[in-house]
Protein backbone atom coordinates (compact mmCIF):
# COMPACT_ATOMS: atom_id res chain seq x y z
CA MET A 1 118.94 111.95 95.41
CA LYS A 2 120.10 108.57 94.18
CA ARG A 3 120.60 108.42 90.42
CA PRO A 4 119.98 105.36 88.25
CA GLY A 5 121.99 102.32 89.14
CA ASN A 6 122.05 98.80 87.73
CA ALA A 7 122.21 95.79 89.98
CA ALA A 8 123.57 92.63 88.47
CA GLY A 9 121.06 91.04 86.15
CA TRP A 10 118.93 94.17 85.71
CA THR A 11 119.10 95.86 82.34
CA SER A 12 117.10 98.82 81.15
CA PRO A 13 114.89 98.16 78.11
CA GLN A 14 114.58 100.78 75.41
CA PRO A 15 111.44 102.91 75.92
CA LEU A 16 109.94 102.00 72.54
CA TRP A 17 110.38 98.28 73.14
CA LEU A 18 108.90 98.65 76.61
CA ALA A 19 105.88 100.55 75.29
CA ALA A 20 105.36 97.92 72.59
CA ALA A 21 105.51 95.11 75.15
CA LEU A 22 103.06 96.90 77.44
CA PHE A 23 100.68 97.53 74.55
CA ALA A 24 100.85 93.90 73.41
CA TRP A 25 100.16 92.61 76.94
CA LEU A 26 97.14 94.87 77.41
CA ILE A 27 95.56 94.50 73.97
CA ALA A 28 95.97 90.71 73.73
CA THR A 29 92.64 90.04 75.47
CA ALA A 30 90.79 93.27 74.60
CA TRP A 31 88.77 91.54 71.87
CA VAL A 32 87.60 88.39 73.64
CA ARG A 33 84.33 89.62 75.19
CA PRO A 34 81.40 91.71 73.96
CA LEU A 35 80.84 95.23 75.22
CA MET A 36 79.21 95.39 78.64
CA ALA A 37 76.09 97.47 79.21
CA PRO A 38 75.62 100.17 79.98
CA ASP A 39 79.04 101.86 80.22
CA GLU A 40 80.98 100.22 77.41
CA GLY A 41 78.00 100.30 75.08
CA ARG A 42 77.43 103.98 75.83
CA TYR A 43 80.97 105.24 75.25
CA ALA A 44 81.66 103.02 72.26
CA GLY A 45 78.32 104.05 70.76
CA VAL A 46 79.08 107.76 71.13
CA ALA A 47 82.46 107.25 69.45
CA LEU A 48 80.90 105.29 66.60
CA GLN A 49 78.25 107.97 66.05
CA MET A 50 81.00 110.56 65.91
CA LEU A 51 82.62 108.54 63.12
CA TYR A 52 79.43 107.87 61.17
CA SER A 53 78.07 111.42 61.46
CA GLY A 54 81.36 113.11 60.54
CA ASP A 55 80.82 115.59 63.41
CA TRP A 56 84.03 115.27 65.43
CA LEU A 57 83.21 118.28 67.60
CA VAL A 58 79.99 117.41 69.44
CA PRO A 59 79.73 114.02 71.21
CA ARG A 60 76.25 112.62 70.61
CA LEU A 61 74.22 109.90 72.30
CA ASP A 62 71.60 108.69 69.83
CA GLY A 63 72.11 111.86 67.82
CA LEU A 64 71.63 114.20 70.82
CA PRO A 65 74.47 116.33 72.31
CA PHE A 66 75.99 114.33 75.16
CA PHE A 67 78.07 116.45 77.53
CA HIS A 68 78.63 114.16 80.49
CA LYS A 69 82.30 114.05 79.52
CA PRO A 70 84.69 115.78 77.06
CA PRO A 71 85.58 114.23 73.69
CA LEU A 72 89.12 112.75 73.93
CA PHE A 73 87.92 109.18 74.52
CA TYR A 74 85.52 109.48 71.59
CA TRP A 75 88.16 110.96 69.30
CA ILE A 76 90.56 108.08 69.94
CA GLY A 77 87.83 105.44 69.71
CA ALA A 78 86.36 106.90 66.54
CA GLY A 79 89.82 107.09 64.96
CA ALA A 80 90.51 103.45 65.82
CA MET A 81 87.14 102.34 64.44
CA ALA A 82 87.75 104.34 61.26
CA LEU A 83 90.70 101.99 60.64
CA ALA A 84 89.46 98.71 62.11
CA GLY A 85 85.69 99.07 62.05
CA PRO A 86 83.35 98.70 65.05
CA VAL A 87 85.21 95.95 66.89
CA GLU A 88 85.69 95.57 70.64
CA TRP A 89 89.44 96.15 70.81
CA ALA A 90 89.10 99.43 68.88
CA ALA A 91 86.40 100.60 71.30
CA ARG A 92 88.75 99.81 74.21
CA LEU A 93 91.85 101.35 72.64
CA PRO A 94 91.58 104.68 74.57
CA SER A 95 91.73 102.79 77.87
CA ILE A 96 94.67 100.70 76.68
CA LEU A 97 96.58 103.82 75.64
CA GLY A 98 95.88 105.41 79.02
CA ALA A 99 97.27 102.34 80.78
CA VAL A 100 100.39 102.27 78.58
CA THR A 101 100.95 105.98 79.29
CA ALA A 102 100.75 105.44 83.06
CA ALA A 103 103.06 102.40 83.07
CA ALA A 104 105.64 103.89 80.69
CA ALA A 105 105.72 107.19 82.59
CA LEU A 106 106.27 105.35 85.88
CA PHE A 107 109.16 103.33 84.43
CA LEU A 108 110.90 106.31 82.80
CA PHE A 109 110.57 108.47 85.90
CA LEU A 110 111.96 105.82 88.26
CA ARG A 111 114.70 104.79 85.84
CA ARG A 112 116.01 108.35 85.91
CA TRP A 113 115.44 109.31 89.54
CA SER A 114 115.75 105.97 91.33
CA THR A 115 117.16 102.61 90.15
CA VAL A 116 116.54 100.50 87.09
CA ARG A 117 115.49 97.47 89.11
CA LEU A 118 112.96 99.50 91.12
CA ALA A 119 111.65 100.99 87.86
CA LEU A 120 111.27 97.56 86.26
CA LEU A 121 109.69 95.94 89.29
CA SER A 122 107.26 98.82 89.87
CA THR A 123 106.15 98.60 86.24
CA LEU A 124 105.80 94.83 86.44
CA VAL A 125 103.69 95.09 89.59
CA LEU A 126 101.51 97.75 88.00
CA VAL A 127 100.70 95.97 84.73
CA THR A 128 100.04 92.59 86.39
CA THR A 129 97.78 94.05 89.07
CA PRO A 130 94.25 92.78 88.30
CA PHE A 131 92.69 96.20 89.00
CA PHE A 132 94.99 97.95 86.52
CA PHE A 133 94.73 95.18 83.91
CA LEU A 134 90.93 95.11 83.97
CA GLY A 135 90.75 98.91 83.90
CA ALA A 136 92.73 98.81 80.66
CA GLN A 137 90.25 96.25 79.25
CA PHE A 138 87.17 98.38 79.93
CA ALA A 139 85.84 100.97 77.50
CA ASN A 140 85.16 103.94 79.74
CA LEU A 141 87.00 107.12 80.66
CA ASP A 142 88.60 106.12 83.98
CA MET A 143 91.81 104.54 82.70
CA LEU A 144 92.35 107.21 80.06
CA VAL A 145 92.24 110.02 82.60
CA ALA A 146 94.31 107.92 85.04
CA GLY A 147 97.07 107.73 82.42
CA CYS A 148 96.91 111.49 81.86
CA ILE A 149 97.07 112.17 85.61
CA ALA A 150 100.02 109.80 86.09
CA GLY A 151 101.95 111.32 83.20
CA THR A 152 101.28 114.87 84.42
CA VAL A 153 102.43 114.11 87.98
CA LEU A 154 105.58 112.27 86.94
CA LEU A 155 106.64 114.73 84.25
CA GLY A 156 105.94 117.66 86.57
CA ALA A 157 107.93 116.08 89.41
CA GLY A 158 110.74 115.22 87.00
CA ALA A 159 110.89 118.84 85.83
CA VAL A 160 111.16 120.03 89.43
CA LEU A 161 113.97 117.57 90.25
CA ALA A 162 115.84 118.40 87.04
CA ARG A 163 115.60 122.15 87.65
CA GLU A 164 116.98 121.70 91.17
CA ARG A 165 120.02 119.97 89.71
CA GLY A 166 120.59 122.38 86.87
CA GLU A 167 119.54 119.85 84.22
CA PRO A 168 117.21 120.42 81.22
CA TRP A 169 113.64 120.64 82.50
CA ARG A 170 111.54 122.60 80.01
CA ALA A 171 110.67 119.64 77.75
CA MET A 172 109.43 117.63 80.74
CA LEU A 173 107.39 120.52 82.04
CA ALA A 174 105.88 121.14 78.61
CA GLY A 175 104.94 117.44 78.53
CA ALA A 176 103.27 117.81 81.93
CA TYR A 177 101.15 120.71 80.71
CA LEU A 178 100.33 118.82 77.51
CA LEU A 179 99.11 115.78 79.46
CA ALA A 180 97.16 118.05 81.81
CA ALA A 181 95.39 119.40 78.72
CA ALA A 182 94.73 115.82 77.62
CA GLY A 183 93.33 115.09 81.09
CA LEU A 184 90.95 118.04 80.75
CA LEU A 185 89.78 116.68 77.41
CA ALA A 186 89.52 113.15 78.84
CA LYS A 187 87.35 113.76 81.90
CA GLY A 188 87.20 117.43 82.75
CA LEU A 189 88.69 119.39 85.63
CA ILE A 190 90.06 116.43 87.59
CA GLY A 191 92.57 115.85 84.78
CA ALA A 192 94.38 119.05 85.80
CA VAL A 193 93.22 119.68 89.38
CA LEU A 194 94.37 116.35 90.85
CA PRO A 195 97.94 116.46 89.45
CA ALA A 196 98.22 120.06 90.62
CA ALA A 197 97.05 119.07 94.10
CA VAL A 198 99.60 116.23 94.27
CA LEU A 199 102.50 118.41 93.15
CA LEU A 200 101.58 121.34 95.40
CA ALA A 201 101.21 119.07 98.44
CA TRP A 202 104.58 117.50 97.60
CA CYS A 203 106.05 120.99 97.34
CA ALA A 204 104.70 121.90 100.78
CA VAL A 205 105.98 118.76 102.50
CA THR A 206 109.43 118.71 100.89
CA ARG A 207 109.78 122.52 100.80
CA LYS A 208 110.35 122.68 97.07
CA ARG A 209 109.57 126.21 96.04
CA ALA A 210 110.32 125.34 92.44
CA VAL A 211 106.89 123.75 92.11
CA LEU A 212 105.20 127.08 92.69
CA ARG A 213 107.38 128.83 90.12
CA LEU A 214 106.90 126.10 87.54
CA ALA A 215 103.14 126.12 88.15
CA ALA A 216 103.12 129.68 86.83
CA TRP A 217 105.25 128.90 83.75
CA LEU A 218 103.55 130.93 81.01
CA PRO A 219 104.60 128.78 78.02
CA GLY A 220 103.02 125.80 79.74
CA TRP A 221 99.74 127.62 80.31
CA ALA A 222 99.76 128.77 76.70
CA LEU A 223 100.21 125.15 75.57
CA LEU A 224 97.44 123.89 77.87
CA LEU A 225 94.97 126.53 76.71
CA ALA A 226 95.88 126.06 73.05
CA VAL A 227 95.23 122.30 73.26
CA ALA A 228 92.24 122.07 75.60
CA GLY A 229 90.67 125.51 75.30
CA PRO A 230 89.19 125.49 71.77
CA TRP A 231 86.76 122.63 72.36
CA PHE A 232 85.34 124.13 75.55
CA VAL A 233 85.02 127.58 73.97
CA ALA A 234 83.34 126.11 70.87
CA MET A 235 80.81 124.20 72.96
CA GLN A 236 79.97 127.25 75.09
CA MET A 237 79.47 129.39 71.98
CA LYS A 238 77.25 126.78 70.32
CA TYR A 239 75.32 125.78 73.47
CA PRO A 240 74.91 128.61 76.04
CA GLU A 241 73.81 126.08 78.72
CA PHE A 242 77.05 124.10 78.35
CA PHE A 243 78.98 125.70 81.23
CA ASP A 244 76.19 125.23 83.75
CA TYR A 245 75.63 121.60 82.78
CA PHE A 246 79.18 120.43 82.19
CA VAL A 247 81.04 122.37 84.87
CA VAL A 248 78.50 123.22 87.57
CA THR A 249 76.30 120.10 87.41
CA GLN A 250 78.68 117.37 86.24
CA HIS A 251 81.58 118.52 88.44
CA PHE A 252 80.51 120.47 91.50
CA ARG A 253 76.92 119.36 92.07
CA ARG A 254 77.79 115.71 91.56
CA PHE A 255 80.75 116.02 93.94
CA ALA A 256 78.83 117.80 96.70
CA SER A 257 75.37 116.22 96.44
CA SER A 258 73.85 112.92 97.39
CA GLY A 259 71.13 111.10 95.50
CA PHE A 260 73.27 110.00 92.57
CA ASN A 261 74.08 106.39 91.74
CA ASN A 262 76.50 104.12 93.61
CA GLU A 263 76.53 105.65 97.08
CA HIS A 264 79.17 104.10 99.34
CA PRO A 265 80.76 104.92 102.72
CA PHE A 266 83.91 107.02 103.10
CA TRP A 267 86.18 103.96 103.56
CA PHE A 268 84.92 102.22 100.39
CA TYR A 269 88.19 102.47 98.44
CA LEU A 270 90.37 100.87 101.12
CA PRO A 271 89.01 97.32 100.64
CA VAL A 272 88.75 97.97 96.90
CA LEU A 273 92.47 98.71 96.64
CA ALA A 274 93.43 95.85 98.95
CA GLY A 275 91.26 93.25 97.22
CA LEU A 276 91.78 94.19 93.58
CA THR A 277 95.57 94.44 93.82
CA LEU A 278 96.10 90.90 95.12
CA PRO A 279 98.40 89.03 95.14
CA TRP A 280 100.83 91.97 95.12
CA PHE A 281 99.11 93.80 97.99
CA GLY A 282 100.11 90.94 100.27
CA TRP A 283 103.71 92.17 100.24
CA LEU A 284 102.68 95.20 102.29
CA LEU A 285 101.59 92.83 105.08
CA VAL A 286 104.84 90.85 105.18
CA PRO A 287 107.01 91.77 108.21
CA ARG A 288 110.25 93.56 107.35
CA ARG A 289 113.48 91.59 107.44
CA GLN A 290 115.89 92.47 110.21
CA GLU A 291 118.59 93.48 107.75
CA ALA A 292 116.20 95.78 105.91
CA PRO A 293 116.29 99.53 106.65
CA PRO A 294 114.35 100.38 109.80
CA ALA A 295 110.72 101.38 109.44
CA GLY A 296 111.50 104.86 110.71
CA ARG A 297 114.05 105.68 108.01
CA ARG A 298 113.87 109.06 106.38
CA LEU A 299 111.67 109.18 103.31
CA SER A 300 113.22 110.32 100.05
CA ASP A 301 111.67 112.89 97.74
CA ILE A 302 110.34 110.05 95.57
CA ASP A 303 108.86 108.28 98.59
CA TRP A 304 107.07 111.46 99.63
CA LEU A 305 105.75 111.98 96.11
CA MET A 306 104.27 108.49 95.97
CA TRP A 307 102.70 108.58 99.43
CA ILE A 308 101.18 112.01 98.80
CA TRP A 309 99.95 110.98 95.36
CA LEU A 310 98.26 107.88 96.78
CA ALA A 311 96.67 109.83 99.66
CA VAL A 312 95.38 112.71 97.51
CA ILE A 313 93.62 110.38 95.05
CA VAL A 314 92.04 108.14 97.68
CA VAL A 315 90.91 110.98 99.95
CA PHE A 316 89.58 113.11 97.08
CA PHE A 317 87.36 110.36 95.68
CA SER A 318 86.30 109.21 99.16
CA ILE A 319 84.64 112.54 99.96
CA PRO A 320 81.61 112.38 97.63
CA ARG A 321 78.96 109.79 98.46
CA SER A 322 78.73 108.62 94.85
CA LYS A 323 81.68 106.31 94.16
CA LEU A 324 82.62 104.05 91.28
CA ILE A 325 85.46 101.57 91.54
CA GLY A 326 87.29 102.97 88.50
CA TYR A 327 87.58 106.47 89.97
CA VAL A 328 90.56 105.42 92.10
CA LEU A 329 92.62 103.97 89.22
CA PRO A 330 95.05 106.98 89.34
CA ALA A 331 96.21 105.68 92.75
CA LEU A 332 97.67 102.47 91.29
CA PRO A 333 101.05 103.76 89.97
CA PRO A 334 102.19 105.07 93.39
CA LEU A 335 100.83 101.95 95.09
CA ALA A 336 102.82 99.78 92.67
CA TYR A 337 105.97 101.73 93.56
CA LEU A 338 105.38 101.28 97.30
CA ILE A 339 104.79 97.53 96.85
CA ALA A 340 107.90 97.15 94.67
CA GLN A 341 109.97 99.05 97.23
CA ARG A 342 108.75 96.73 99.96
CA VAL A 343 109.57 93.67 97.83
CA LEU A 344 113.12 94.88 97.18
CA ALA A 345 113.88 96.24 100.65
CA GLY A 346 117.40 95.05 101.40
CA ARG A 347 117.04 91.74 99.55
CA PRO A 348 119.68 90.47 97.11
CA LEU A 349 118.61 89.83 93.54
CA GLU A 350 119.35 86.12 93.68
CA ALA A 351 116.98 85.66 96.61
CA LEU A 352 114.19 87.64 94.93
CA LEU A 353 114.01 86.09 91.47
CA PRO A 354 112.23 82.80 92.29
CA ARG A 355 109.60 84.54 94.40
CA LEU A 356 109.13 87.29 91.82
CA ARG A 357 108.56 84.74 89.06
CA ALA A 358 105.93 82.99 91.14
CA MET A 359 104.19 86.25 92.07
CA THR A 360 104.24 87.49 88.48
CA LEU A 361 102.74 84.26 87.17
CA ALA A 362 100.12 84.34 89.91
CA ALA A 363 99.21 87.93 89.11
CA ALA A 364 99.04 87.24 85.36
CA ALA A 365 96.85 84.21 86.03
CA VAL A 366 94.53 86.33 88.16
CA CYS A 367 94.26 88.91 85.35
CA VAL A 368 93.36 86.26 82.79
CA ALA A 369 90.93 84.64 85.22
CA CYS A 370 89.22 87.99 85.71
CA VAL A 371 88.71 88.35 81.97
CA ALA A 372 87.42 84.78 81.74
CA ALA A 373 84.98 85.41 84.59
CA ILE A 374 83.66 88.53 82.87
CA VAL A 375 83.19 86.59 79.63
CA ALA A 376 81.41 83.75 81.41
CA TYR A 377 79.19 85.62 83.83
CA ALA A 378 78.93 89.30 82.92
CA THR A 379 78.30 89.26 79.18
CA PRO A 380 75.05 91.21 78.65
CA PRO A 381 72.47 89.23 76.69
CA GLY A 382 71.67 92.26 74.53
CA ALA A 383 75.22 92.35 73.22
CA ARG A 384 74.75 88.84 71.81
CA LEU A 385 71.40 89.62 70.18
CA ARG A 386 72.25 89.19 66.52
CA LEU A 387 69.89 89.42 63.58
CA PRO A 388 69.89 86.63 60.99
CA ALA A 389 71.87 87.68 57.95
CA GLU A 390 68.83 87.53 55.68
CA LEU A 391 66.87 89.81 58.06
CA ALA A 392 69.57 92.31 59.01
CA ALA A 393 68.43 95.90 59.25
CA ALA A 394 69.09 97.83 56.04
CA PRO A 395 70.52 101.37 56.12
CA GLY A 396 67.13 102.97 55.37
CA ASP A 397 65.13 100.98 57.92
CA LEU A 398 63.51 102.55 60.96
CA VAL A 399 64.72 101.24 64.34
CA VAL A 400 62.69 101.99 67.47
CA MET A 401 63.56 101.11 71.07
CA LEU A 402 60.69 100.68 73.54
CA ASP A 403 60.95 101.59 77.24
CA SER A 404 64.73 101.32 77.29
CA TYR A 405 67.83 102.33 75.39
CA THR A 406 70.00 99.31 74.64
CA TYR A 407 73.35 101.08 74.39
CA GLU A 408 75.35 98.34 72.70
CA LEU A 409 72.94 97.45 69.89
CA PRO A 410 73.78 100.41 67.59
CA PHE A 411 77.42 99.28 67.84
CA TYR A 412 76.70 95.64 66.98
CA TRP A 413 74.07 96.40 64.36
CA ARG A 414 76.33 99.11 62.91
CA LEU A 415 73.50 101.62 62.75
CA ARG A 416 74.60 104.79 61.01
CA ASN A 417 71.52 106.78 61.99
CA PRO A 418 70.05 107.43 65.45
CA VAL A 419 67.23 105.19 66.61
CA LEU A 420 63.87 106.41 67.92
CA VAL A 421 63.21 105.79 71.60
CA SER A 422 59.62 105.38 72.78
CA ALA A 423 58.76 105.92 76.44
CA ASP A 424 56.47 107.95 78.69
CA TRP A 425 58.62 111.07 78.31
CA LYS A 426 56.02 113.59 79.52
CA ALA A 427 55.75 111.88 82.89
CA ALA A 428 59.50 112.01 83.47
CA GLY A 429 60.65 114.33 86.22
CA ASP A 430 64.06 115.80 86.98
CA GLU A 431 65.62 112.54 88.13
CA GLY A 432 68.76 112.72 90.23
CA ARG A 433 69.98 109.21 89.47
CA ASP A 434 71.67 108.46 86.19
CA ASN A 435 69.96 106.08 83.80
CA TRP A 436 69.18 105.89 80.10
CA HIS A 437 66.02 107.96 80.62
CA LYS A 438 67.78 110.88 82.29
CA GLU A 439 70.74 110.80 79.92
CA LEU A 440 68.54 111.12 76.84
CA LEU A 441 66.37 113.82 78.43
CA ASP A 442 69.45 115.84 79.45
CA ALA A 443 70.93 115.47 75.97
CA GLY A 444 67.63 116.47 74.37
CA ARG A 445 67.60 119.81 76.17
CA PHE A 446 70.58 120.91 74.07
CA ASP A 447 68.74 120.16 70.81
CA PRO A 448 64.96 120.30 71.39
CA ALA A 449 64.09 119.98 67.70
CA ARG A 450 66.06 116.78 67.26
CA ALA A 451 64.79 115.48 70.61
CA ALA A 452 61.18 115.99 69.49
CA ALA A 453 61.85 113.75 66.50
CA THR A 454 63.90 111.16 68.40
CA LEU A 455 62.11 110.76 71.75
CA VAL A 456 58.70 109.35 70.85
CA GLU A 457 55.84 109.31 73.34
CA ARG A 458 54.46 105.83 73.86
CA SER A 459 51.05 106.98 72.66
CA ARG A 460 52.62 107.71 69.25
CA LEU A 461 54.43 104.39 68.95
CA ALA A 462 51.88 102.52 66.80
CA GLY A 463 51.62 105.43 64.39
CA THR A 464 55.40 105.68 64.19
CA LEU A 465 55.74 102.02 63.26
CA CYS A 466 53.04 102.46 60.62
CA SER A 467 55.63 103.57 58.08
CA PRO A 468 56.33 102.79 54.41
CA ARG A 469 59.78 101.73 55.52
CA THR A 470 60.62 98.44 57.16
CA SER A 471 60.59 99.04 60.92
CA TRP A 472 62.30 97.24 63.78
CA LEU A 473 61.16 97.42 67.39
CA VAL A 474 63.58 96.55 70.20
CA GLY A 475 61.93 96.17 73.59
CA PRO A 476 61.67 94.11 76.76
CA SER A 477 61.19 90.42 76.14
CA ASN A 478 57.75 90.57 77.80
CA ALA A 479 56.62 93.68 75.92
CA GLN A 480 53.90 91.78 74.04
CA LEU A 481 51.96 91.24 77.27
CA ALA A 482 51.34 94.99 77.58
CA ASN A 483 51.19 95.60 73.82
CA PRO A 484 48.98 92.92 72.23
CA TRP A 485 49.31 94.49 68.77
CA LEU A 486 52.88 93.19 68.66
CA ALA A 487 51.39 89.83 67.73
CA ARG A 488 50.90 91.24 64.23
CA ALA A 489 54.68 91.71 63.83
CA GLN A 490 57.39 89.17 63.06
CA LEU A 491 59.49 88.21 66.09
CA VAL A 492 63.02 87.80 64.72
CA ALA A 493 65.21 87.68 67.84
CA PHE A 494 64.55 86.95 71.48
CA ASN A 495 66.41 86.30 74.72
CA GLU A 496 65.77 86.69 78.44
CA ARG A 497 66.39 90.44 78.31
CA ILE A 498 65.11 91.91 75.05
CA ALA A 499 63.27 90.97 71.88
CA VAL A 500 63.21 92.32 68.33
CA TRP A 501 60.16 92.57 66.10
CA ARG A 502 60.11 93.35 62.39
CA PHE A 503 57.31 95.28 60.70
CA ALA A 504 56.93 95.25 56.94
CA GLY A 505 56.34 98.66 55.37
CA SER A 506 52.72 99.85 55.49
CA THR A 507 50.66 103.01 55.12
CA ALA A 508 47.74 104.51 56.96
CA ARG A 509 45.39 103.09 54.28
CA ASP A 510 46.71 99.58 54.71
CA PRO A 511 44.13 97.49 56.66
CA HIS A 512 47.00 95.82 58.49
CA CYS A 513 48.44 99.11 59.76
CA LEU A 514 48.93 98.97 63.50
CA GLU A 515 47.51 102.42 64.07
CA LEU A 516 44.14 101.39 62.63
CA SER A 517 43.91 98.15 64.63
CA PRO A 518 45.73 98.68 67.93
CA GLY A 519 43.40 96.30 69.75
CA ALA A 520 44.22 93.21 67.74
CA PRO A 521 44.11 90.03 69.87
CA ALA A 522 47.41 88.93 71.34
CA ALA A 523 49.11 85.77 70.30
CA ALA A 524 51.04 83.73 72.80
CA MET A 525 54.65 84.69 73.26
CA PRO A 526 56.76 82.28 71.19
CA LYS A 527 58.78 79.70 73.00
CA PRO A 528 62.54 79.74 72.39
CA ALA A 529 62.17 76.91 69.86
CA ASP A 530 59.72 79.01 67.78
CA LYS A 531 61.88 82.10 67.33
CA LYS A 532 63.97 82.87 64.28
CA THR A 533 67.14 83.08 66.34
CA ASP A 534 67.90 82.59 70.00
CA GLY A 535 69.94 85.78 70.05
CA ASN A 536 73.00 84.04 71.44
CA ASP A 537 74.88 83.06 68.31
């Protein structure tokens, strides 16, 4: 195995400076756009509720136990918002930290077991790949678990290589088990199963028996169980249905069944990886130079690790019919290595630098353009729906959402208490596809008493709004057509997606109470010029 070597002009940065530079690059644009619905609004909202409620154990969606995923993302996000408040970059900090972990682990591994210039170039390719950059700018769990998987694979492989050479390996292996525990807490079983599959397949191909022995290292298992075990045990003890829902349904049934959201063919991730890694992916299509090593050269241990890592991730997530683009983010570090290796193959540094500068600038420009496009075209109207300062909801006000759950509004309105959600709950069946309706119903099954108070049948809506407190109703912008009594309320915000009405406090004896006059004649929906705010300030 080749050990680190420096070509002229390539110097190895200190790890702390590298991590700081990576963090600065990824966080620089994390604040420029509002949260996107539904995913970013959902995960940021759960983290903010964890902070406001003071319950750091049970993730909650609108006050109801939400066990789609474990709590690591929410812990990091809630901690960031405790310091900075509910701002976009704090909500996206878990994804940024996952990306920094993946990039730093790739650099440190290659610096030790390959060459400094390959380590630097692989890291540069990775962090300027649009797919990776945008994944770090998005507040969901995919990049966080991708960072945990990358760190586990690279630390585990480093421990194997060090043990073979009689070098210290225990600290690296302990780090691998620690990041596997973090992966379990980030997104469940895949955080540990996928790194194990990569390392075991690498062991089989390269005939490294050390992987099997290190996989049974008892101190590592003790560390993993000590870090990840308590939360899972606590949830099972508090909610007996937890194992069936979190493990059986959210892992195995979702993997094996059809009928969930985002069904795509088996080959879906091939064009995704090719398209979202441009312009760097183009290097894999460039014919090899004659002086470069022949295509049939023997692969090194590192080459095998990267090819196997890439294949395991892509094949694993291609099997289920339900596919999201972010699932395949863990495949980007090995792909970056393979691209960097192809760029360097047999070429002198002096010949590479001009082309590398151009490619790096092009990739950075693509990343920034992607963010600009998201800001311009994908900003959800609800995220911009602001209340006038003089009409902002007070802490004791009642907030009700009608026929939808607008995930991002609790974040932007800084609501400390759960909102009520009014819909036709009794008519809801056991839906297979994920949506706000199913998520709230699933969460409500873990706390029926709280669900009964939070999930309001539409027939009870008028009576609910007939409250001594000031009430706010958030609903579809055309809700007044089906609910003429809304004409009696004050329309305070409106856009093409949702509207907000304000009800002054009233009682059942008040002649203006909605419950006593539900058939009041409808007024015409206000035109944009008539509303208090256009919702887009």
